[in-house]
């Protein structure tokens, strides 16, 4: 066995895609096990984990003993997020991922397969909010298409491509879609129509996957994290990022695996 230097970077181009790994100070098996670097029994992949709720979710899961995989389109911020976790003594791997590009998703799964043979938790967190105050009577449908591609089609494809690894989870896998109260139909108003519509659709995606996978020991839920102080939520938001990640982490690590197909806020089921 060899002992890598803490924080050492490995950057390799394989099959046309990037694997960027922050190696923490621990032994790496050689020979037959050289392709499987992670030694953690629990693994989590989080999209959009280079900042905000995704980054905080990765941090909290790492604290609970997960090997965390940081999926992000921004390579610089993704690398920095992984390195920050490693410097705190955790295992983190940055994997370049553009959830609007099926080829990028497929390559990200290939990269993941070099580090782990199963996936316990998949968190579809990456999303866009492009609305600028207009109501639906003035909605730019090209912007709506972009929003749906990122916030709805992206999570569908990511879940489909990672499904073979979710099925290999020994304890039962969990898929968590980060939704929004803006997508709740019971009190929807004119706020951010493209974003709101996309989150309503994501809630429907959650129900569809939950129904399709309930016999395969995979729980699928969605979360309203609340109005959180992030780049998207703005500095005036009422919640710190730690609170925004709390229910996501709870569903990933603590909630009963029988809880599936539900919409959650502050660890409580809420109305669609």
Protein backbone atom coordinates (compact mmCIF):
# COMPACT_ATOMS: atom_id res chain seq x y z
CA UNK A 1 0.00 0.00 0.00
CA UNK A 2 1.07 3.56 -0.62
CA UNK A 3 0.28 6.64 1.40
CA UNK A 4 -0.59 9.71 -0.69
CA UNK A 5 0.17 13.19 0.54
CA UNK A 6 -2.89 14.82 2.09
CA UNK A 7 -4.56 17.13 -0.38
CA UNK A 8 -2.58 15.85 -3.33
CA UNK A 9 -4.30 16.37 -6.67
CA UNK A 10 -4.76 13.75 -9.34
CA UNK A 11 -5.89 14.99 -12.72
CA UNK A 12 -6.27 12.44 -15.49
CA UNK A 13 -7.87 12.51 -18.87
CA UNK A 14 -9.53 9.20 -19.59
CA UNK A 15 -11.73 8.46 -22.56
CA UNK A 16 -12.12 12.17 -23.23
CA UNK A 17 -13.44 13.18 -19.80
CA UNK A 18 -11.93 14.57 -16.65
CA UNK A 19 -11.40 12.82 -13.34
CA UNK A 20 -10.25 15.19 -10.65
CA UNK A 21 -9.69 13.59 -7.29
CA UNK A 22 -8.62 15.13 -4.02
CA UNK A 23 -6.78 12.38 -2.17
CA UNK A 24 -6.93 12.44 1.59
CA UNK A 25 -4.24 10.94 3.78
CA UNK A 26 -5.20 7.26 3.78
CA UNK A 27 -3.88 4.13 2.09
CA UNK A 28 -4.85 3.36 -1.47
CA UNK A 29 -5.04 -0.31 -2.34
CA UNK A 30 -2.93 -1.50 -5.22
CA UNK A 31 -3.04 -4.38 -7.70
CA UNK A 32 -6.54 -5.84 -8.15
CA UNK A 33 -8.16 -3.11 -6.06
CA UNK A 34 -6.42 -0.18 -7.70
CA UNK A 35 -9.54 0.89 -9.59
CA UNK A 36 -11.60 1.12 -6.39
CA UNK A 37 -10.09 3.95 -4.40
CA UNK A 38 -12.89 4.73 -1.94
CA UNK A 39 -12.85 2.76 1.28
CA UNK A 40 -16.09 4.20 2.63
CA UNK A 41 -19.08 1.90 2.79
CA UNK A 42 -21.51 4.74 1.98
CA UNK A 43 -21.32 6.90 -1.11
CA UNK A 44 -23.21 10.00 -2.18
CA UNK A 45 -23.24 11.90 -5.48
CA UNK A 46 -24.54 15.48 -5.39
CA UNK A 47 -25.13 17.56 -8.52
CA UNK A 48 -24.41 21.27 -8.31
CA UNK A 49 -22.30 20.68 -5.21
CA UNK A 50 -19.71 23.37 -5.90
CA UNK A 51 -21.67 26.00 -3.95
CA UNK A 52 -24.76 26.74 -1.90
CA UNK A 53 -27.06 23.98 -0.68
CA UNK A 54 -25.26 21.31 -2.69
CA UNK A 55 -21.88 22.15 -1.20
CA UNK A 56 -23.28 22.25 2.32
CA UNK A 57 -25.06 18.94 1.77
CA UNK A 58 -21.76 17.38 0.69
CA UNK A 59 -20.08 18.73 3.82
CA UNK A 60 -22.74 17.38 6.17
CA UNK A 61 -22.78 13.97 4.50
CA UNK A 62 -18.99 13.80 4.64
CA UNK A 63 -19.23 14.48 8.37
CA UNK A 64 -21.50 11.44 8.63
CA UNK A 65 -18.94 9.18 6.98
CA UNK A 66 -19.94 9.27 3.33
CA UNK A 67 -17.49 9.36 0.46
CA UNK A 68 -18.89 12.35 -1.40
CA UNK A 69 -18.81 12.96 -5.14
CA UNK A 70 -19.17 16.58 -6.16
CA UNK A 71 -20.79 16.97 -9.55
CA UNK A 72 -20.42 20.44 -11.03
CA UNK A 73 -20.19 22.19 -14.38
CA UNK A 74 -17.80 24.85 -13.07
CA UNK A 75 -14.50 22.99 -12.93
CA UNK A 76 -12.64 25.57 -10.84
CA UNK A 77 -15.32 25.81 -8.15
CA UNK A 78 -15.87 22.06 -8.20
CA UNK A 79 -12.20 21.41 -7.57
CA UNK A 80 -12.11 24.00 -4.81
CA UNK A 81 -15.15 22.46 -3.10
CA UNK A 82 -13.56 19.01 -3.14
CA UNK A 83 -10.23 20.32 -1.88
CA UNK A 84 -11.92 22.21 0.93
CA UNK A 85 -13.55 19.02 2.19
CA UNK A 86 -10.32 17.08 1.91
CA UNK A 87 -8.50 19.70 3.94
CA UNK A 88 -11.08 19.08 6.66
CA UNK A 89 -10.15 15.39 6.68
CA UNK A 90 -12.91 13.99 4.46
CA UNK A 91 -12.88 12.08 1.19
CA UNK A 92 -14.18 14.10 -1.75
CA UNK A 93 -14.05 13.62 -5.49
CA UNK A 94 -14.92 16.27 -8.05
CA UNK A 95 -16.50 14.94 -11.24
CA UNK A 96 -17.21 17.31 -14.08
CA UNK A 97 -20.92 17.22 -14.93
CA UNK A 98 -23.23 19.28 -17.11
CA UNK A 99 -26.72 17.96 -16.41
CA UNK A 100 -28.03 19.45 -19.68
CA UNK A 101 -25.63 17.30 -21.73
CA UNK A 102 -26.35 13.55 -21.93
CA UNK A 103 -22.76 12.84 -23.01
CA UNK A 104 -21.44 14.69 -19.96
CA UNK A 105 -23.76 12.68 -17.70
CA UNK A 106 -22.65 9.39 -19.26
CA UNK A 107 -19.00 10.37 -18.84
CA UNK A 108 -19.59 11.37 -15.21
CA UNK A 109 -21.02 7.91 -14.52
CA UNK A 110 -17.96 6.38 -16.15
CA UNK A 111 -15.71 8.47 -13.92
CA UNK A 112 -17.71 7.48 -10.85
CA UNK A 113 -17.28 3.81 -11.74
CA UNK A 114 -13.51 4.24 -11.39
CA UNK A 115 -13.97 5.25 -7.75
CA UNK A 116 -16.86 3.15 -6.44
CA UNK A 117 -18.90 0.10 -7.34
CA UNK A 118 -22.19 1.28 -5.85
CA UNK A 119 -24.11 4.47 -5.07
CA UNK A 120 -26.16 4.83 -1.90
CA UNK A 121 -27.44 8.39 -2.29
CA UNK A 122 -28.09 10.49 -5.38
CA UNK A 123 -29.04 14.12 -4.81
CA UNK A 124 -30.34 16.04 -7.81
CA UNK A 125 -29.59 19.54 -6.60
CA UNK A 126 -28.34 21.46 -9.66
CA UNK A 127 -30.90 23.88 -11.06
CA UNK A 128 -31.33 27.26 -12.72
CA UNK A 129 -33.57 30.24 -12.03
CA UNK A 130 -33.67 32.63 -14.98
CA UNK A 131 -36.99 34.39 -14.35
CA UNK A 132 -36.68 38.17 -13.97
CA UNK A 133 -39.98 39.27 -12.49
CA UNK A 134 -42.28 38.66 -15.46
CA UNK A 135 -45.50 36.72 -15.02
CA UNK A 136 -46.62 33.96 -17.35
CA UNK A 137 -48.37 36.40 -19.72
CA UNK A 138 -44.91 37.61 -20.74
CA UNK A 139 -42.96 34.39 -20.25
CA UNK A 140 -40.12 33.82 -22.71
CA UNK A 141 -40.70 30.25 -23.83
CA UNK A 142 -37.08 29.79 -24.89
CA UNK A 143 -36.12 30.53 -21.30
CA UNK A 144 -38.80 28.07 -20.17
CA UNK A 145 -37.27 25.39 -22.40
CA UNK A 146 -33.81 26.01 -20.90
CA UNK A 147 -35.22 25.85 -17.39
CA UNK A 148 -37.05 22.59 -18.02
CA UNK A 149 -33.97 21.06 -19.62
CA UNK A 150 -31.89 21.80 -16.54
CA UNK A 151 -34.43 21.37 -13.75
CA UNK A 152 -36.48 18.45 -15.08
CA UNK A 153 -34.80 16.60 -17.94
CA UNK A 154 -31.41 16.79 -16.22
CA UNK A 155 -32.51 15.00 -13.03
CA UNK A 156 -34.33 12.37 -15.09
CA UNK A 157 -31.22 11.58 -17.12
CA UNK A 158 -28.88 11.67 -14.13
CA UNK A 159 -31.11 9.22 -12.26
CA UNK A 160 -31.45 6.94 -15.28
CA UNK A 161 -27.70 6.80 -15.91
CA UNK A 162 -26.79 6.24 -12.24
CA UNK A 163 -29.54 3.64 -11.69
CA UNK A 164 -27.27 0.57 -12.20
CA UNK A 165 -25.11 1.79 -9.29
CA UNK A 166 -28.09 2.71 -7.10
CA UNK A 167 -29.36 -0.85 -7.55
CA UNK A 168 -26.08 -2.14 -6.09
CA UNK A 169 -26.52 -0.32 -2.78
CA UNK A 170 -26.43 -2.90 0.02
CA UNK A 171 -28.64 -0.91 2.38
CA UNK A 172 -31.14 0.43 -0.12
CA UNK A 173 -30.49 3.54 -2.18
CA UNK A 174 -32.06 6.97 -1.87
CA UNK A 175 -32.72 9.57 -4.55
CA UNK A 176 -33.47 13.08 -3.35
CA UNK A 177 -34.66 15.79 -5.71
CA UNK A 178 -34.19 19.33 -4.47
CA UNK A 179 -37.45 21.03 -5.32
CA UNK A 180 -39.02 24.25 -4.02
CA UNK A 181 -42.12 25.56 -2.32
CA UNK A 182 -42.57 27.55 -5.52
CA UNK A 183 -43.53 24.28 -7.20
CA UNK A 184 -46.31 23.45 -4.74
CA UNK A 185 -49.66 23.63 -6.51
CA UNK A 186 -51.81 24.25 -3.44
CA UNK A 187 -50.65 27.86 -3.03
CA UNK A 188 -48.90 28.68 -6.31
CA UNK A 189 -49.02 32.31 -7.45
CA UNK A 190 -47.35 34.31 -10.23
CA UNK A 191 -43.79 34.01 -8.89
CA UNK A 192 -41.09 32.95 -11.39
CA UNK A 193 -43.34 30.95 -13.75
CA UNK A 194 -40.59 29.02 -15.54
CA UNK A 195 -38.88 28.03 -12.31
CA UNK A 196 -42.14 27.25 -10.53
CA UNK A 197 -43.42 25.11 -13.40
CA UNK A 198 -40.12 23.23 -13.52
CA UNK A 199 -40.27 22.42 -9.81
CA UNK A 200 -43.87 21.23 -10.10
CA UNK A 201 -42.68 18.95 -12.90
CA UNK A 202 -39.76 17.76 -10.75
CA UNK A 203 -42.25 16.80 -8.05
CA UNK A 204 -44.10 14.71 -10.65
CA UNK A 205 -40.79 13.15 -11.71
CA UNK A 206 -40.23 12.22 -8.06
CA UNK A 207 -43.57 10.44 -7.87
CA UNK A 208 -42.92 8.59 -11.13
CA UNK A 209 -39.50 7.31 -10.03
CA UNK A 210 -40.82 6.41 -6.57
CA UNK A 211 -43.56 4.28 -8.12
CA UNK A 212 -41.19 2.67 -10.63
CA UNK A 213 -38.48 1.83 -8.08
CA UNK A 214 -40.35 1.02 -4.86
CA UNK A 215 -39.95 -2.74 -5.38
CA UNK A 216 -36.21 -2.32 -5.98
CA UNK A 217 -35.37 -0.93 -2.54
CA UNK A 218 -34.83 2.63 -3.76
CA UNK A 219 -36.60 5.49 -1.97
CA UNK A 220 -37.25 8.63 -4.02
CA UNK A 221 -38.32 11.89 -2.41
CA UNK A 222 -38.26 15.63 -3.05
CA UNK A 223 -37.45 18.46 -0.67
CA UNK A 224 -38.40 22.11 -0.30
CA UNK A 225 -35.33 23.54 1.45
CA UNK A 226 -37.01 26.89 2.03
CA UNK A 227 -35.75 30.36 1.13
CA UNK A 228 -32.01 29.94 1.62
CA UNK A 229 -29.18 32.46 1.47
CA UNK A 230 -27.37 31.26 -1.66
CA UNK A 231 -26.52 32.79 -5.04
CA UNK A 232 -30.01 31.81 -6.16
CA UNK A 233 -31.86 32.78 -2.98
CA UNK A 234 -30.02 36.04 -2.44
CA UNK A 235 -28.63 37.68 0.68
CA UNK A 236 -32.08 38.64 1.99
CA UNK A 237 -33.25 35.03 2.29
CA UNK A 238 -34.43 33.95 5.72
CA UNK A 239 -32.49 30.69 6.07
CA UNK A 240 -28.80 29.85 6.39
CA UNK A 241 -27.45 27.23 4.04
CA UNK A 242 -27.01 24.78 6.92
CA UNK A 243 -30.77 24.78 7.51
CA UNK A 244 -31.45 24.43 3.80
CA UNK A 245 -29.38 21.25 3.65
CA UNK A 246 -30.76 19.75 6.86
CA UNK A 247 -33.77 17.83 5.51
CA UNK A 248 -31.84 16.67 2.45
CA UNK A 249 -29.17 15.15 4.68
CA UNK A 250 -31.82 13.65 6.97
CA UNK A 251 -33.48 11.90 4.04
CA UNK A 252 -30.09 10.70 2.81
CA UNK A 253 -28.81 9.32 6.08
CA UNK A 254 -31.51 8.95 8.73
CA UNK A 255 -35.07 8.78 7.43
CA UNK A 256 -36.79 5.42 7.18
CA UNK A 257 -36.20 3.79 3.77
CA UNK A 258 -39.92 3.13 3.60
CA UNK A 259 -40.54 6.86 3.19
CA UNK A 260 -40.81 7.35 -0.55
CA UNK A 261 -42.73 9.38 -3.10
CA UNK A 262 -43.21 12.30 -0.71
CA UNK A 263 -42.61 16.07 -0.57
CA UNK A 264 -40.69 17.21 2.53
CA UNK A 265 -39.93 20.45 4.35
CA UNK A 266 -38.16 20.64 7.71
CA UNK A 267 -38.34 16.83 8.06
CA UNK A 268 -42.11 16.85 7.70
CA UNK A 269 -44.24 15.74 4.79
CA UNK A 270 -45.96 18.72 3.16
CA UNK A 271 -48.73 19.28 0.65
CA UNK A 272 -47.95 19.05 -3.05
